[in-house]
Each structure stands twice: as C-alpha cells, then as structure tokens.
Amino acid sequence: MNARSKQKVIVNKRVNVEVTAYWGNDDAESTIKVSRRRWKAILNGADYTTTAWSWYEGKRYSVTWRFANGNVSIDGEDGMQCVLDQPASSLIAHIPSDTR
C-alpha cells in the first residue's frame, strides 16, 4: 500500500438551511433551501427571490418567495397571496450542524 491510498479524502459538502413557511391555518406549506451565508444575509435585510413548490391538501402548487428588508412574502399561482410581509425570522429554519 502506498501513502496515497491511506489518505482520507475530505469533501467540502455545502450545508444548507431548510426554511419552511406555513399558511392557511397551517394547511399549506412550502420549503426552500439556501446556504447559511445567504440565510444570514436575508435575516440582515438582503433581497432574494426564488421559486419553489407548495403543498395544500395533497396538491402541488408553484410559489415565489421574495425576501426584502428582513421580511418575506410568498405568492402563489394566479396572484394568490400566501404570506405577506412577515418577518423572515418567524419562519421555521432548520440549520444542520457542521459535521466537518
């Protein structure tokens, strides 16, 4: 065995924050994933927009998440407003521990 085969390969795996919003008496939900760096920036007021799926009564719908000034709005299909100007800090954020 040579020295190279004994080396441990370390893979720098990106750790994402899963952010979830519930609305409509908690009957509807949507989750996005962002980097920890982006999540920190969002909480500090950065603008960010992304699309994701939402689920309501077993059906899937497209939604657009918009962050600005520390708030979030989520708009659904056909102009449906799901979440309107809520503090981003009120969302459920799962931040995995860094296992490096």
PDB file of N, CA and C in Angstrom:
ATOM      1  N   MET A   1       0.838  -1.174   0.000  1.00  0.00           N
ATOM      2  CA  MET A   1       0.000   0.000   0.000  1.00  0.00           C
ATOM      3  C   MET A   1       0.878   1.231   0.000  1.00  0.00           C
ATOM      4  N   ASN A   2       0.554   2.162  -0.849  1.00  0.00           N
ATOM      5  CA  ASN A   2       1.331   3.390  -0.851  1.00  0.00           C
ATOM      6  C   ASN A   2       0.661   4.435   0.039  1.00  0.00           C
ATOM      7  N   ALA A   3       1.373   5.509   0.300  1.00  0.00           N
ATOM      8  CA  ALA A   3       0.886   6.549   1.205  1.00  0.00           C
ATOM      9  C   ALA A   3      -0.388   7.203   0.679  1.00  0.00           C
ATOM     10  N   ARG A   4      -0.515   7.272  -0.612  1.00  0.00           N
ATOM     11  CA  ARG A   4      -1.677   7.912  -1.212  1.00  0.00           C
ATOM     12  C   ARG A   4      -2.974   7.148  -0.914  1.00  0.00           C
ATOM     13  N   SER A   5      -2.934   5.835  -0.907  1.00  0.00           N
ATOM     14  CA  SER A   5      -4.146   5.058  -0.673  1.00  0.00           C
ATOM     15  C   SER A   5      -4.601   5.132   0.782  1.00  0.00           C
ATOM     16  N   LYS A   6      -3.726   5.573   1.687  1.00  0.00           N
ATOM     17  CA  LYS A   6      -4.076   5.679   3.096  1.00  0.00           C
ATOM     18  C   LYS A   6      -4.653   7.051   3.445  1.00  0.00           C
ATOM     19  N   GLN A   7      -4.559   8.003   2.540  1.00  0.00           N
ATOM     20  CA  GLN A   7      -5.049   9.341   2.824  1.00  0.00           C
ATOM     21  C   GLN A   7      -6.575   9.370   2.849  1.00  0.00           C
ATOM     22  N   LYS A   8      -7.078  10.099   3.784  1.00  0.00           N
ATOM     23  CA  LYS A   8      -8.515  10.282   3.895  1.00  0.00           C
ATOM     24  C   LYS A   8      -8.917  11.446   2.996  1.00  0.00           C
ATOM     25  N   VAL A   9      -9.888  11.218   2.178  1.00  0.00           N
ATOM     26  CA  VAL A   9     -10.372  12.262   1.284  1.00  0.00           C
ATOM     27  C   VAL A   9     -11.451  13.051   2.022  1.00  0.00           C
ATOM     28  N   ILE A  10     -11.260  14.357   2.102  1.00  0.00           N
ATOM     29  CA  ILE A  10     -12.215  15.233   2.761  1.00  0.00           C
ATOM     30  C   ILE A  10     -12.981  15.988   1.680  1.00  0.00           C
ATOM     31  N   VAL A  11     -14.284  15.829   1.707  1.00  0.00           N
ATOM     32  CA  VAL A  11     -15.140  16.502   0.740  1.00  0.00           C
ATOM     33  C   VAL A  11     -15.816  17.659   1.452  1.00  0.00           C
ATOM     34  N   ASN A  12     -15.655  18.844   0.899  1.00  0.00           N
ATOM     35  CA  ASN A  12     -16.288  20.034   1.476  1.00  0.00           C
ATOM     36  C   ASN A  12     -17.736  20.078   0.991  1.00  0.00           C
ATOM     37  N   LYS A  13     -18.644  19.573   1.805  1.00  0.00           N
ATOM     38  CA  LYS A  13     -20.048  19.494   1.444  1.00  0.00           C
ATOM     39  C   LYS A  13     -20.780  20.741   1.929  1.00  0.00           C
ATOM     40  N   ARG A  14     -21.507  21.374   1.043  1.00  0.00           N
ATOM     41  CA  ARG A  14     -22.265  22.580   1.404  1.00  0.00           C
ATOM     42  C   ARG A  14     -23.402  22.188   2.346  1.00  0.00           C
ATOM     43  N   VAL A  15     -23.522  22.935   3.409  1.00  0.00           N
ATOM     44  CA  VAL A  15     -24.588  22.722   4.380  1.00  0.00           C
ATOM     45  C   VAL A  15     -25.648  23.787   4.146  1.00  0.00           C
ATOM     46  N   ASN A  16     -26.855  23.343   3.800  1.00  0.00           N
ATOM     47  CA  ASN A  16     -27.947  24.270   3.507  1.00  0.00           C
ATOM     48  C   ASN A  16     -28.911  24.397   4.675  1.00  0.00           C
ATOM     49  N   VAL A  17     -29.518  25.543   4.755  1.00  0.00           N
ATOM     50  CA  VAL A  17     -30.579  25.805   5.723  1.00  0.00           C
ATOM     51  C   VAL A  17     -31.899  25.504   5.025  1.00  0.00           C
ATOM     52  N   GLU A  18     -32.752  24.724   5.664  1.00  0.00           N
ATOM     53  CA  GLU A  18     -34.089  24.477   5.141  1.00  0.00           C
ATOM     54  C   GLU A  18     -35.051  25.438   5.838  1.00  0.00           C
ATOM     55  N   VAL A  19     -35.724  26.257   5.041  1.00  0.00           N
ATOM     56  CA  VAL A  19     -36.629  27.270   5.570  1.00  0.00           C
ATOM     57  C   VAL A  19     -38.049  26.903   5.136  1.00  0.00           C
ATOM     58  N   THR A  20     -38.951  26.817   6.113  1.00  0.00           N
ATOM     59  CA  THR A  20     -40.328  26.398   5.843  1.00  0.00           C
ATOM     60  C   THR A  20     -41.320  27.456   6.313  1.00  0.00           C
ATOM     61  N   ALA A  21     -42.328  27.677   5.485  1.00  0.00           N
ATOM     62  CA  ALA A  21     -43.424  28.570   5.835  1.00  0.00           C
ATOM     63  C   ALA A  21     -44.726  27.783   5.788  1.00  0.00           C
ATOM     64  N   TYR A  22     -45.611  28.089   6.717  1.00  0.00           N
ATOM     65  CA  TYR A  22     -46.955  27.512   6.755  1.00  0.00           C
ATOM     66  C   TYR A  22     -47.954  28.657   6.678  1.00  0.00           C
ATOM     67  N   TRP A  23     -49.094  28.425   6.044  1.00  0.00           N
ATOM     68  CA  TRP A  23     -50.140  29.432   5.984  1.00  0.00           C
ATOM     69  C   TRP A  23     -51.484  28.735   5.808  1.00  0.00           C
ATOM     70  N   GLY A  24     -52.559  29.520   5.836  1.00  0.00           N
ATOM     71  CA  GLY A  24     -53.895  28.957   5.657  1.00  0.00           C
ATOM     72  C   GLY A  24     -54.251  27.982   6.762  1.00  0.00           C
ATOM     73  N   ASN A  25     -54.205  28.444   8.013  1.00  0.00           N
ATOM     74  CA  ASN A  25     -54.455  27.575   9.175  1.00  0.00           C
ATOM     75  C   ASN A  25     -53.486  26.395   9.218  1.00  0.00           C
ATOM     76  N   ASP A  26     -52.273  26.626   8.741  1.00  0.00           N
ATOM     77  CA  ASP A  26     -51.218  25.606   8.681  1.00  0.00           C
ATOM     78  C   ASP A  26     -51.572  24.434   7.769  1.00  0.00           C
ATOM     79  N   ASP A  27     -52.501  24.647   6.834  1.00  0.00           N
ATOM     80  CA  ASP A  27     -52.873  23.602   5.888  1.00  0.00           C
ATOM     81  C   ASP A  27     -51.975  23.586   4.657  1.00  0.00           C
ATOM     82  N   ALA A  28     -51.276  24.692   4.413  1.00  0.00           N
ATOM     83  CA  ALA A  28     -50.406  24.798   3.240  1.00  0.00           C
ATOM     84  C   ALA A  28     -48.981  25.056   3.715  1.00  0.00           C
ATOM     85  N   GLU A  29     -48.020  24.565   2.935  1.00  0.00           N
ATOM     86  CA  GLU A  29     -46.623  24.752   3.312  1.00  0.00           C
ATOM     87  C   GLU A  29     -45.719  24.767   2.093  1.00  0.00           C
ATOM     88  N   SER A  30     -44.548  25.346   2.290  1.00  0.00           N
ATOM     89  CA  SER A  30     -43.507  25.362   1.272  1.00  0.00           C
ATOM     90  C   SER A  30     -42.159  25.440   1.972  1.00  0.00           C
ATOM     91  N   THR A  31     -41.161  24.793   1.382  1.00  0.00           N
ATOM     92  CA  THR A  31     -39.809  24.781   1.940  1.00  0.00           C
ATOM     93  C   THR A  31     -38.813  25.125   0.847  1.00  0.00           C
ATOM     94  N   ILE A  32     -37.831  25.951   1.210  1.00  0.00           N
ATOM     95  CA  ILE A  32     -36.712  26.241   0.308  1.00  0.00           C
ATOM     96  C   ILE A  32     -35.413  25.898   1.027  1.00  0.00           C
ATOM     97  N   LYS A  33     -34.358  25.757   0.260  1.00  0.00           N
ATOM     98  CA  LYS A  33     -33.022  25.550   0.816  1.00  0.00           C
ATOM     99  C   LYS A  33     -32.128  26.688   0.352  1.00  0.00           C
ATOM    100  N   VAL A  34     -31.395  27.271   1.305  1.00  0.00           N
ATOM    101  CA  VAL A  34     -30.437  28.328   0.994  1.00  0.00           C
ATOM    102  C   VAL A  34     -29.166  28.056   1.793  1.00  0.00           C
ATOM    103  N   SER A  35     -28.069  28.620   1.346  1.00  0.00           N
ATOM    104  CA  SER A  35     -26.820  28.465   2.089  1.00  0.00           C
ATOM    105  C   SER A  35     -26.924  29.215   3.416  1.00  0.00           C
ATOM    106  N   ARG A  36     -26.095  28.826   4.370  1.00  0.00           N
ATOM    107  CA  ARG A  36     -26.100  29.521   5.659  1.00  0.00           C
ATOM    108  C   ARG A  36     -25.727  30.984   5.480  1.00  0.00           C
ATOM    109  N   ARG A  37     -24.802  31.249   4.583  1.00  0.00           N
ATOM    110  CA  ARG A  37     -24.390  32.631   4.314  1.00  0.00           C
ATOM    111  C   ARG A  37     -25.555  33.460   3.765  1.00  0.00           C
ATOM    112  N   ARG A  38     -26.301  32.881   2.814  1.00  0.00           N
ATOM    113  CA  ARG A  38     -27.445  33.605   2.238  1.00  0.00           C
ATOM    114  C   ARG A  38     -28.528  33.814   3.301  1.00  0.00           C
ATOM    115  N   TRP A  39     -28.785  32.799   4.146  1.00  0.00           N
ATOM    116  CA  TRP A  39     -29.803  32.932   5.180  1.00  0.00           C
ATOM    117  C   TRP A  39     -29.446  34.064   6.143  1.00  0.00           C
ATOM    118  N   LYS A  40     -28.188  34.148   6.516  1.00  0.00           N
ATOM    119  CA  LYS A  40     -27.747  35.226   7.397  1.00  0.00           C
ATOM    120  C   LYS A  40     -27.971  36.581   6.720  1.00  0.00           C
ATOM    121  N   ALA A  41     -27.653  36.669   5.425  1.00  0.00           N
ATOM    122  CA  ALA A  41     -27.852  37.918   4.688  1.00  0.00           C
ATOM    123  C   ALA A  41     -29.342  38.278   4.617  1.00  0.00           C
ATOM    124  N   ILE A  42     -30.194  37.282   4.389  1.00  0.00           N
ATOM    125  CA  ILE A  42     -31.643  37.519   4.336  1.00  0.00           C
ATOM    126  C   ILE A  42     -32.130  38.080   5.665  1.00  0.00           C
ATOM    127  N   LEU A  43     -31.693  37.475   6.764  1.00  0.00           N
ATOM    128  CA  LEU A  43     -32.110  37.942   8.086  1.00  0.00           C
ATOM    129  C   LEU A  43     -31.613  39.360   8.361  1.00  0.00           C
ATOM    130  N   ASN A  44     -30.516  39.739   7.693  1.00  0.00           N
ATOM    131  CA  ASN A  44     -29.979  41.090   7.839  1.00  0.00           C
ATOM    132  C   ASN A  44     -30.550  42.069   6.817  1.00  0.00           C
ATOM    133  N   GLY A  45     -31.558  41.635   6.035  1.00  0.00           N
ATOM    134  CA  GLY A  45     -32.256  42.543   5.141  1.00  0.00           C
ATOM    135  C   GLY A  45     -31.963  42.411   3.661  1.00  0.00           C
ATOM    136  N   ALA A  46     -31.157  41.433   3.251  1.00  0.00           N
ATOM    137  CA  ALA A  46     -30.826  41.277   1.828  1.00  0.00           C
ATOM    138  C   ALA A  46     -32.053  40.883   1.008  1.00  0.00           C
ATOM    139  N   ASP A  47     -32.050  41.291  -0.256  1.00  0.00           N
ATOM    140  CA  ASP A  47     -33.098  40.887  -1.195  1.00  0.00           C
ATOM    141  C   ASP A  47     -32.746  39.523  -1.782  1.00  0.00           C
ATOM    142  N   TYR A  48     -33.750  38.674  -1.923  1.00  0.00           N
ATOM    143  CA  TYR A  48     -33.556  37.363  -2.540  1.00  0.00           C
ATOM    144  C   TYR A  48     -34.913  36.873  -3.015  1.00  0.00           C
ATOM    145  N   THR A  49     -34.958  36.318  -4.219  1.00  0.00           N
ATOM    146  CA  THR A  49     -36.191  35.772  -4.782  1.00  0.00           C
ATOM    147  C   THR A  49     -35.903  34.391  -5.340  1.00  0.00           C
ATOM    148  N   THR A  50     -36.814  33.450  -5.074  1.00  0.00           N
ATOM    149  CA  THR A  50     -36.685  32.106  -5.612  1.00  0.00           C
ATOM    150  C   THR A  50     -38.072  31.500  -5.767  1.00  0.00           C
ATOM    151  N   THR A  51     -38.164  30.449  -6.552  1.00  0.00           N
ATOM    152  CA  THR A  51     -39.427  29.737  -6.710  1.00  0.00           C
ATOM    153  C   THR A  51     -39.309  28.368  -6.049  1.00  0.00           C
ATOM    154  N   ALA A  52     -40.440  27.834  -5.664  1.00  0.00           N
ATOM    155  CA  ALA A  52     -40.473  26.520  -5.018  1.00  0.00           C
ATOM    156  C   ALA A  52     -41.871  25.938  -5.189  1.00  0.00           C
ATOM    157  N   TRP A  53     -42.049  24.731  -4.687  1.00  0.00           N
ATOM    158  CA  TRP A  53     -43.361  24.108  -4.667  1.00  0.00           C
ATOM    159  C   TRP A  53     -44.003  24.323  -3.312  1.00  0.00           C
ATOM    160  N   SER A  54     -45.302  24.428  -3.296  1.00  0.00           N
ATOM    161  CA  SER A  54     -46.054  24.421  -2.045  1.00  0.00           C
ATOM    162  C   SER A  54     -47.037  23.258  -2.127  1.00  0.00           C
ATOM    163  N   TRP A  55     -47.516  22.867  -0.974  1.00  0.00           N
ATOM    164  CA  TRP A  55     -48.438  21.733  -0.894  1.00  0.00           C
ATOM    165  C   TRP A  55     -49.673  22.152  -0.111  1.00  0.00           C
ATOM    166  N   TYR A  56     -50.836  21.832  -0.658  1.00  0.00           N
ATOM    167  CA  TYR A  56     -52.091  22.113   0.014  1.00  0.00           C
ATOM    168  C   TYR A  56     -53.063  20.992  -0.318  1.00  0.00           C
ATOM    169  N   GLU A  57     -53.544  20.313   0.714  1.00  0.00           N
ATOM    170  CA  GLU A  57     -54.468  19.192   0.571  1.00  0.00           C
ATOM    171  C   GLU A  57     -53.978  18.176  -0.451  1.00  0.00           C
ATOM    172  N   GLY A  58     -52.690  17.871  -0.385  1.00  0.00           N
ATOM    173  CA  GLY A  58     -52.109  16.848  -1.251  1.00  0.00           C
ATOM    174  C   GLY A  58     -51.803  17.291  -2.670  1.00  0.00           C
ATOM    175  N   LYS A  59     -52.072  18.531  -2.991  1.00  0.00           N
ATOM    176  CA  LYS A  59     -51.809  19.038  -4.338  1.00  0.00           C
ATOM    177  C   LYS A  59     -50.606  19.965  -4.309  1.00  0.00           C
ATOM    178  N   ARG A  60     -49.881  19.980  -5.414  1.00  0.00           N
ATOM    179  CA  ARG A  60     -48.662  20.777  -5.539  1.00  0.00           C
ATOM    180  C   ARG A  60     -48.945  22.042  -6.345  1.00  0.00           C
ATOM    181  N   TYR A  61     -48.417  23.171  -5.835  1.00  0.00           N
ATOM    182  CA  TYR A  61     -48.578  24.461  -6.495  1.00  0.00           C
ATOM    183  C   TYR A  61     -47.228  25.166  -6.553  1.00  0.00           C
ATOM    184  N   SER A  62     -47.040  25.997  -7.543  1.00  0.00           N
ATOM    185  CA  SER A  62     -45.823  26.796  -7.670  1.00  0.00           C
ATOM    186  C   SER A  62     -45.987  28.091  -6.877  1.00  0.00           C
ATOM    187  N   VAL A  63     -44.931  28.461  -6.120  1.00  0.00           N
ATOM    188  CA  VAL A  63     -44.950  29.717  -5.367  1.00  0.00           C
ATOM    189  C   VAL A  63     -43.632  30.454  -5.579  1.00  0.00           C
ATOM    190  N   THR A  64     -43.663  31.759  -5.368  1.00  0.00           N
ATOM    191  CA  THR A  64     -42.467  32.595  -5.446  1.00  0.00           C
ATOM    192  C   THR A  64     -42.220  33.209  -4.079  1.00  0.00           C
ATOM    193  N   TRP A  65     -41.027  32.946  -3.539  1.00  0.00           N
ATOM    194  CA  TRP A  65     -40.594  33.523  -2.269  1.00  0.00           C
ATOM    195  C   TRP A  65     -39.836  34.802  -2.574  1.00  0.00           C
ATOM    196  N   ARG A  66     -40.176  35.901  -1.882  1.00  0.00           N
ATOM    197  CA  ARG A  66     -39.463  37.167  -2.031  1.00  0.00           C
ATOM    198  C   ARG A  66     -39.062  37.683  -0.653  1.00  0.00           C
ATOM    199  N   PHE A  67     -37.774  37.884  -0.475  1.00  0.00           N
ATOM    200  CA  PHE A  67     -37.245  38.437   0.766  1.00  0.00           C
ATOM    201  C   PHE A  67     -36.763  39.852   0.497  1.00  0.00           C
ATOM    202  N   ALA A  68     -37.068  40.773   1.403  1.00  0.00           N
ATOM    203  CA  ALA A  68     -36.595  42.156   1.320  1.00  0.00           C
ATOM    204  C   ALA A  68     -36.735  42.803   2.687  1.00  0.00           C
ATOM    205  N   ASN A  69     -35.724  43.521   3.087  1.00  0.00           N
ATOM    206  CA  ASN A  69     -35.747  44.272   4.349  1.00  0.00           C
ATOM    207  C   ASN A  69     -36.074  43.405   5.570  1.00  0.00           C
ATOM    208  N   GLY A  70     -35.640  42.152   5.549  1.00  0.00           N
ATOM    209  CA  GLY A  70     -35.876  41.255   6.675  1.00  0.00           C
ATOM    210  C   GLY A  70     -37.258  40.634   6.709  1.00  0.00           C
ATOM    211  N   ASN A  71     -38.062  40.870   5.661  1.00  0.00           N
ATOM    212  CA  ASN A  71     -39.408  40.299   5.578  1.00  0.00           C
ATOM    213  C   ASN A  71     -39.509  39.331   4.420  1.00  0.00           C
ATOM    214  N   VAL A  72     -40.543  38.501   4.456  1.00  0.00           N
ATOM    215  CA  VAL A  72     -40.789  37.548   3.374  1.00  0.00           C
ATOM    216  C   VAL A  72     -42.235  37.675   2.912  1.00  0.00           C
ATOM    217  N   SER A  73     -42.425  37.545   1.610  1.00  0.00           N
ATOM    218  CA  SER A  73     -43.752  37.409   1.012  1.00  0.00           C
ATOM    219  C   SER A  73     -43.692  36.195   0.106  1.00  0.00           C
ATOM    220  N   ILE A  74     -44.760  35.412   0.103  1.00  0.00           N
ATOM    221  CA  ILE A  74     -44.835  34.235  -0.765  1.00  0.00           C
ATOM    222  C   ILE A  74     -46.115  34.364  -1.573  1.00  0.00           C
ATOM    223  N   ASP A  75     -45.954  34.367  -2.891  1.00  0.00           N
ATOM    224  CA  ASP A  75     -47.083  34.497  -3.805  1.00  0.00           C
ATOM    225  C   ASP A  75     -47.263  33.196  -4.573  1.00  0.00           C
ATOM    226  N   GLY A  76     -48.525  32.789  -4.709  1.00  0.00           N
ATOM    227  CA  GLY A  76     -48.846  31.566  -5.425  1.00  0.00           C
ATOM    228  C   GLY A  76     -49.312  31.832  -6.831  1.00  0.00           C
ATOM    229  N   GLU A  77     -49.820  30.784  -7.434  1.00  0.00           N
ATOM    230  CA  GLU A  77     -50.333  30.860  -8.796  1.00  0.00           C
ATOM    231  C   GLU A  77     -51.562  31.760  -8.857  1.00  0.00           C
ATOM    232  N   ASP A  78     -51.777  32.365 -10.000  1.00  0.00           N
ATOM    233  CA  ASP A  78     -52.952  33.213 -10.245  1.00  0.00           C
ATOM    234  C   ASP A  78     -53.084  34.356  -9.249  1.00  0.00           C
ATOM    235  N   GLY A  79     -51.949  34.916  -8.806  1.00  0.00           N
ATOM    236  CA  GLY A  79     -51.972  36.079  -7.925  1.00  0.00           C
ATOM    237  C   GLY A  79     -52.325  35.793  -6.473  1.00  0.00           C
ATOM    238  N   MET A  80     -52.398  34.527  -6.106  1.00  0.00           N
ATOM    239  CA  MET A  80     -52.733  34.180  -4.722  1.00  0.00           C
ATOM    240  C   MET A  80     -51.626  34.631  -3.779  1.00  0.00           C
ATOM    241  N   GLN A  81     -51.981  35.389  -2.740  1.00  0.00           N
ATOM    242  CA  GLN A  81     -51.008  35.801  -1.733  1.00  0.00           C
ATOM    243  C   GLN A  81     -51.073  34.807  -0.583  1.00  0.00           C
ATOM    244  N   CYS A  82     -49.953  34.139  -0.335  1.00  0.00           N
ATOM    245  CA  CYS A  82     -49.891  33.117   0.709  1.00  0.00           C
ATOM    246  C   CYS A  82     -49.380  33.709   2.015  1.00  0.00           C
ATOM    247  N   VAL A  83     -48.281  34.435   1.925  1.00  0.00           N
ATOM    248  CA  VAL A  83     -47.663  35.094   3.074  1.00  0.00           C
ATOM    249  C   VAL A  83     -47.362  36.514   2.628  1.00  0.00           C
ATOM    250  N   LEU A  84     -47.680  37.490   3.461  1.00  0.00           N
ATOM    251  CA  LEU A  84     -47.485  38.876   3.063  1.00  0.00           C
ATOM    252  C   LEU A  84     -46.689  39.630   4.115  1.00  0.00           C
ATOM    253  N   ASP A  85     -45.481  40.032   3.757  1.00  0.00           N
ATOM    254  CA  ASP A  85     -44.617  40.869   4.604  1.00  0.00           C
ATOM    255  C   ASP A  85     -44.511  40.397   6.059  1.00  0.00           C
ATOM    256  N   GLN A  86     -44.169  39.143   6.229  1.00  0.00           N
ATOM    257  CA  GLN A  86     -43.917  38.602   7.568  1.00  0.00           C
ATOM    258  C   GLN A  86     -42.422  38.653   7.846  1.00  0.00           C
ATOM    259  N   PRO A  87     -42.007  38.797   9.094  1.00  0.00           N
ATOM    260  CA  PRO A  87     -40.572  38.776   9.395  1.00  0.00           C
ATOM    261  C   PRO A  87     -39.956  37.433   9.002  1.00  0.00           C
ATOM    262  N   ALA A  88     -38.846  37.481   8.293  1.00  0.00           N
ATOM    263  CA  ALA A  88     -38.165  36.245   7.895  1.00  0.00           C
ATOM    264  C   ALA A  88     -37.771  35.430   9.116  1.00  0.00           C
ATOM    265  N   SER A  89     -37.502  36.097  10.219  1.00  0.00           N
ATOM    266  CA  SER A  89     -37.113  35.401  11.444  1.00  0.00           C
ATOM    267  C   SER A  89     -38.250  34.567  12.024  1.00  0.00           C
ATOM    268  N   SER A  90     -39.497  34.780  11.571  1.00  0.00           N
ATOM    269  CA  SER A  90     -40.630  33.999  12.076  1.00  0.00           C
ATOM    270  C   SER A  90     -40.789  32.669  11.341  1.00  0.00           C
ATOM    271  N   LEU A  91     -40.031  32.467  10.264  1.00  0.00           N
ATOM    272  CA  LEU A  91     -40.091  31.207   9.522  1.00  0.00           C
ATOM    273  C   LEU A  91     -39.397  30.104  10.311  1.00  0.00           C
ATOM    274  N   ILE A  92     -39.715  28.870   9.985  1.00  0.00           N
ATOM    275  CA  ILE A  92     -39.062  27.733  10.623  1.00  0.00           C
ATOM    276  C   ILE A  92     -37.795  27.423   9.832  1.00  0.00           C
ATOM    277  N   ALA A  93     -36.646  27.593  10.473  1.00  0.00           N
ATOM    278  CA  ALA A  93     -35.360  27.382   9.808  1.00  0.00           C
ATOM    279  C   ALA A  93     -34.645  26.227  10.485  1.00  0.00           C
ATOM    280  N   HIS A  94     -34.318  25.200   9.702  1.00  0.00           N
ATOM    281  CA  HIS A  94     -33.539  24.072  10.211  1.00  0.00           C
ATOM    282  C   HIS A  94     -32.116  24.240   9.712  1.00  0.00           C
ATOM    283  N   ILE A  95     -31.213  24.499  10.651  1.00  0.00           N
ATOM    284  CA  ILE A  95     -29.798  24.718  10.316  1.00  0.00           C
ATOM    285  C   ILE A  95     -29.013  23.511  10.813  1.00  0.00           C
ATOM    286  N   PRO A  96     -28.615  22.622   9.893  1.00  0.00           N
ATOM    287  CA  PRO A  96     -27.860  21.433  10.315  1.00  0.00           C
ATOM    288  C   PRO A  96     -26.530  21.827  10.948  1.00  0.00           C
ATOM    289  N   SER A  97     -26.093  21.027  11.892  1.00  0.00           N
ATOM    290  CA  SER A  97     -24.787  21.288  12.488  1.00  0.00           C
ATOM    291  C   SER A  97     -23.699  20.955  11.497  1.00  0.00           C
ATOM    292  N   ASP A  98     -22.612  21.647  11.592  1.00  0.00           N
ATOM    293  CA  ASP A  98     -21.467  21.442  10.711  1.00  0.00           C
ATOM    294  C   ASP A  98     -20.707  20.227  11.222  1.00  0.00           C
ATOM    295  N   THR A  99     -20.624  19.160  10.430  1.00  0.00           N
ATOM    296  CA  THR A  99     -20.012  17.914  10.878  1.00  0.00           C
ATOM    297  C   THR A  99     -18.596  17.732  10.358  1.00  0.00           C
ATOM    298  N   ARG A 100     -17.971  18.823   9.945  1.00  0.00           N
ATOM    299  CA  ARG A 100     -16.597  18.702   9.435  1.00  0.00           C
ATOM    300  C   ARG A 100     -15.632  18.465  10.544  1.00  0.00           C
TER     301      ARG A 100
END
